[in-house]
């Protein structure tokens, strides 16, 4: 997690292969924590130099909710 312009941004890795979207969801949640209806695919290279398309950035709706999530925690995206 990191903060940008007073927004808390969470990086998460997709573990499955099912496509997802937030475009039709009014109150998306990540592990029960409300996130904004915004998602960005993070540009990252894997160990072999190939693009890693499974890292995404989410913005938490409430900054204080960052205490409810921890590094390495496995959570579900609720759309």
N, C-alpha and C. Protein backbone atom coordinates (compact mmCIF):
# COMPACT_ATOMS: atom_id res chain seq x y z
N UNK A 1 0.84 -1.17 0.00
CA UNK A 1 0.00 0.00 0.00
C UNK A 1 0.88 1.23 0.00
N UNK A 2 0.37 2.27 -0.63
CA UNK A 2 1.06 3.55 -0.58
C UNK A 2 0.03 4.65 -0.72
N UNK A 3 0.44 5.89 -0.46
CA UNK A 3 -0.49 7.01 -0.55
C UNK A 3 -0.04 7.98 -1.63
N UNK A 4 -1.04 8.46 -2.39
CA UNK A 4 -0.82 9.44 -3.44
C UNK A 4 -1.91 10.48 -3.32
N UNK A 5 -1.54 11.74 -3.16
CA UNK A 5 -2.53 12.82 -3.07
C UNK A 5 -3.62 12.48 -2.06
N UNK A 6 -3.25 12.05 -0.88
CA UNK A 6 -4.13 11.68 0.24
C UNK A 6 -5.09 10.53 -0.09
N UNK A 7 -4.75 9.73 -1.08
CA UNK A 7 -5.51 8.53 -1.40
C UNK A 7 -4.66 7.31 -1.10
N UNK A 8 -5.28 6.29 -0.52
CA UNK A 8 -4.55 5.06 -0.23
C UNK A 8 -4.73 4.11 -1.39
N UNK A 9 -3.61 3.69 -1.98
CA UNK A 9 -3.61 2.81 -3.14
C UNK A 9 -3.09 1.45 -2.69
N UNK A 10 -3.82 0.42 -3.08
CA UNK A 10 -3.48 -0.95 -2.72
C UNK A 10 -3.09 -1.70 -3.99
N UNK A 11 -1.96 -2.38 -3.97
CA UNK A 11 -1.57 -3.23 -5.09
C UNK A 11 -1.96 -4.66 -4.76
N UNK A 12 -2.57 -5.32 -5.74
CA UNK A 12 -3.02 -6.70 -5.53
C UNK A 12 -2.73 -7.55 -6.76
N UNK A 13 -2.42 -8.80 -6.52
CA UNK A 13 -2.16 -9.75 -7.60
C UNK A 13 -3.40 -10.62 -7.81
N UNK A 14 -3.80 -10.75 -9.06
CA UNK A 14 -4.90 -11.66 -9.40
C UNK A 14 -4.37 -13.08 -9.35
N UNK A 15 -5.05 -13.94 -8.61
CA UNK A 15 -4.62 -15.32 -8.47
C UNK A 15 -5.27 -16.25 -9.49
N UNK A 16 -6.46 -15.90 -9.94
CA UNK A 16 -7.16 -16.72 -10.93
C UNK A 16 -7.00 -16.15 -12.33
N UNK A 17 -7.75 -16.71 -13.26
CA UNK A 17 -7.68 -16.25 -14.65
C UNK A 17 -8.99 -15.62 -15.12
N UNK A 18 -9.98 -15.58 -14.24
CA UNK A 18 -11.28 -15.03 -14.61
C UNK A 18 -11.18 -13.52 -14.82
N UNK A 19 -11.63 -13.01 -15.97
CA UNK A 19 -11.63 -11.56 -16.17
C UNK A 19 -12.60 -10.88 -15.20
N UNK A 20 -12.32 -9.62 -14.87
CA UNK A 20 -13.21 -8.87 -13.98
C UNK A 20 -13.28 -7.42 -14.43
N UNK A 21 -14.31 -6.73 -13.94
CA UNK A 21 -14.52 -5.33 -14.28
C UNK A 21 -15.25 -4.67 -13.12
N UNK A 22 -15.01 -3.38 -12.93
CA UNK A 22 -15.72 -2.62 -11.92
C UNK A 22 -16.75 -1.68 -12.56
N UNK A 23 -16.88 -1.73 -13.87
CA UNK A 23 -17.70 -0.76 -14.59
C UNK A 23 -19.18 -0.83 -14.25
N UNK A 24 -19.69 -1.96 -13.82
CA UNK A 24 -21.11 -2.08 -13.52
C UNK A 24 -21.38 -2.25 -12.03
N UNK A 25 -20.42 -1.91 -11.21
CA UNK A 25 -20.56 -2.11 -9.77
C UNK A 25 -20.54 -0.75 -9.06
N UNK A 26 -21.57 -0.48 -8.26
CA UNK A 26 -21.64 0.79 -7.56
C UNK A 26 -20.80 0.80 -6.28
N UNK A 27 -20.71 -0.33 -5.61
CA UNK A 27 -19.96 -0.39 -4.35
C UNK A 27 -19.02 -1.59 -4.33
N UNK A 28 -17.95 -1.55 -5.14
CA UNK A 28 -17.02 -2.68 -5.14
C UNK A 28 -16.27 -2.77 -3.81
N UNK A 29 -15.88 -3.98 -3.46
CA UNK A 29 -15.13 -4.22 -2.22
C UNK A 29 -13.99 -5.19 -2.51
N UNK A 30 -12.94 -5.02 -1.78
CA UNK A 30 -11.79 -5.91 -1.85
C UNK A 30 -11.56 -6.42 -0.43
N UNK A 31 -11.86 -7.69 -0.21
CA UNK A 31 -11.74 -8.25 1.13
C UNK A 31 -12.66 -7.57 2.12
N UNK A 32 -13.84 -7.14 1.66
CA UNK A 32 -14.80 -6.48 2.53
C UNK A 32 -14.58 -4.99 2.69
N UNK A 33 -13.48 -4.47 2.15
CA UNK A 33 -13.14 -3.05 2.26
C UNK A 33 -13.62 -2.34 0.98
N UNK A 34 -14.39 -1.26 1.16
CA UNK A 34 -14.87 -0.53 -0.01
C UNK A 34 -13.71 0.10 -0.78
N UNK A 35 -13.77 -0.06 -2.09
CA UNK A 35 -12.78 0.57 -2.97
C UNK A 35 -13.53 1.46 -3.95
N UNK A 36 -12.82 2.41 -4.51
CA UNK A 36 -13.43 3.29 -5.50
C UNK A 36 -13.59 2.53 -6.80
N UNK A 37 -14.50 2.98 -7.60
CA UNK A 37 -14.77 2.34 -8.88
C UNK A 37 -13.68 2.73 -9.87
N UNK A 38 -12.47 2.31 -9.57
CA UNK A 38 -11.28 2.63 -10.34
C UNK A 38 -10.33 1.46 -10.22
N UNK A 39 -9.74 1.11 -11.32
CA UNK A 39 -8.72 0.06 -11.31
C UNK A 39 -7.69 0.39 -12.36
N UNK A 40 -6.46 0.08 -12.07
CA UNK A 40 -5.39 0.33 -13.04
C UNK A 40 -4.47 -0.88 -13.08
N UNK A 41 -4.14 -1.31 -14.26
CA UNK A 41 -3.19 -2.41 -14.40
C UNK A 41 -1.79 -1.83 -14.24
N UNK A 42 -1.01 -2.42 -13.37
CA UNK A 42 0.33 -1.93 -13.06
C UNK A 42 1.32 -2.49 -14.07
N UNK A 43 2.17 -1.64 -14.58
CA UNK A 43 3.23 -2.09 -15.51
C UNK A 43 4.38 -2.65 -14.70
N UNK A 44 4.60 -3.93 -14.85
CA UNK A 44 5.66 -4.61 -14.11
C UNK A 44 6.20 -5.75 -14.96
N UNK A 45 7.48 -6.02 -14.81
CA UNK A 45 8.10 -7.13 -15.53
C UNK A 45 8.34 -8.29 -14.57
N UNK A 46 8.14 -9.48 -15.06
CA UNK A 46 8.41 -10.68 -14.28
C UNK A 46 9.90 -10.95 -14.24
N UNK A 47 10.33 -11.96 -13.50
CA UNK A 47 11.75 -12.29 -13.38
C UNK A 47 12.42 -12.59 -14.73
N UNK A 48 11.63 -13.09 -15.68
CA UNK A 48 12.20 -13.41 -16.99
C UNK A 48 12.14 -12.24 -17.97
N UNK A 49 11.67 -11.08 -17.49
CA UNK A 49 11.61 -9.89 -18.33
C UNK A 49 10.31 -9.74 -19.11
N UNK A 50 9.40 -10.70 -18.99
CA UNK A 50 8.12 -10.60 -19.69
C UNK A 50 7.13 -9.77 -18.85
N UNK A 51 6.15 -9.14 -19.50
CA UNK A 51 5.17 -8.34 -18.75
C UNK A 51 4.35 -9.19 -17.79
N UNK A 52 4.11 -8.65 -16.60
CA UNK A 52 3.28 -9.31 -15.59
C UNK A 52 1.93 -8.59 -15.61
N UNK A 53 0.91 -9.24 -16.15
CA UNK A 53 -0.40 -8.62 -16.32
C UNK A 53 -1.35 -8.93 -15.16
N UNK A 54 -0.85 -9.41 -14.06
CA UNK A 54 -1.71 -9.81 -12.95
C UNK A 54 -1.62 -8.91 -11.72
N UNK A 55 -0.99 -7.74 -11.83
CA UNK A 55 -0.90 -6.80 -10.72
C UNK A 55 -1.81 -5.61 -11.03
N UNK A 56 -2.67 -5.27 -10.05
CA UNK A 56 -3.62 -4.19 -10.24
C UNK A 56 -3.56 -3.22 -9.06
N UNK A 57 -3.88 -1.96 -9.32
CA UNK A 57 -3.93 -0.93 -8.29
C UNK A 57 -5.39 -0.57 -8.03
N UNK A 58 -5.77 -0.56 -6.77
CA UNK A 58 -7.11 -0.18 -6.33
C UNK A 58 -6.97 0.99 -5.36
N UNK A 59 -7.94 1.89 -5.35
CA UNK A 59 -7.94 3.02 -4.41
C UNK A 59 -8.98 2.73 -3.34
N UNK A 60 -8.56 2.75 -2.08
CA UNK A 60 -9.48 2.52 -0.98
C UNK A 60 -10.42 3.71 -0.85
N UNK A 61 -11.68 3.45 -0.55
CA UNK A 61 -12.67 4.51 -0.38
C UNK A 61 -12.39 5.32 0.88
N UNK A 62 -11.99 4.65 1.95
CA UNK A 62 -11.67 5.30 3.22
C UNK A 62 -10.24 4.99 3.61
N UNK A 63 -9.43 6.02 3.83
CA UNK A 63 -8.02 5.81 4.18
C UNK A 63 -7.83 4.93 5.39
N UNK A 64 -8.71 5.07 6.39
CA UNK A 64 -8.58 4.31 7.62
C UNK A 64 -8.76 2.81 7.44
N UNK A 65 -9.35 2.40 6.33
CA UNK A 65 -9.56 0.97 6.09
C UNK A 65 -8.28 0.22 5.77
N UNK A 66 -7.19 0.94 5.56
CA UNK A 66 -5.93 0.25 5.24
C UNK A 66 -5.48 -0.66 6.38
N UNK A 67 -5.95 -0.39 7.59
CA UNK A 67 -5.61 -1.22 8.75
C UNK A 67 -6.28 -2.59 8.66
N UNK A 68 -7.31 -2.71 7.84
CA UNK A 68 -8.05 -3.98 7.73
C UNK A 68 -7.42 -4.96 6.74
N UNK A 69 -6.40 -4.50 6.01
CA UNK A 69 -5.73 -5.34 5.02
C UNK A 69 -4.25 -5.42 5.33
N UNK A 70 -3.62 -6.54 5.00
CA UNK A 70 -2.19 -6.69 5.27
C UNK A 70 -1.48 -7.35 4.10
N UNK A 71 -0.20 -7.15 4.03
CA UNK A 71 0.62 -7.73 2.97
C UNK A 71 0.52 -9.24 3.01
N UNK A 72 0.29 -9.84 1.86
CA UNK A 72 0.20 -11.30 1.76
C UNK A 72 -1.18 -11.87 2.02
N UNK A 73 -2.08 -11.04 2.49
CA UNK A 73 -3.44 -11.49 2.77
C UNK A 73 -4.15 -11.84 1.46
N UNK A 74 -4.87 -12.94 1.42
CA UNK A 74 -5.64 -13.33 0.25
C UNK A 74 -7.08 -12.88 0.47
N UNK A 75 -7.58 -12.03 -0.44
CA UNK A 75 -8.92 -11.49 -0.32
C UNK A 75 -9.66 -11.68 -1.65
N UNK A 76 -10.97 -11.51 -1.60
CA UNK A 76 -11.78 -11.65 -2.79
C UNK A 76 -12.29 -10.29 -3.24
N UNK A 77 -12.31 -10.08 -4.54
CA UNK A 77 -12.89 -8.87 -5.13
C UNK A 77 -14.37 -9.09 -5.26
N UNK A 78 -15.15 -8.22 -4.64
CA UNK A 78 -16.62 -8.31 -4.68
C UNK A 78 -17.13 -7.22 -5.60
N UNK A 79 -17.73 -7.62 -6.72
CA UNK A 79 -18.24 -6.63 -7.67
C UNK A 79 -19.73 -6.75 -7.81
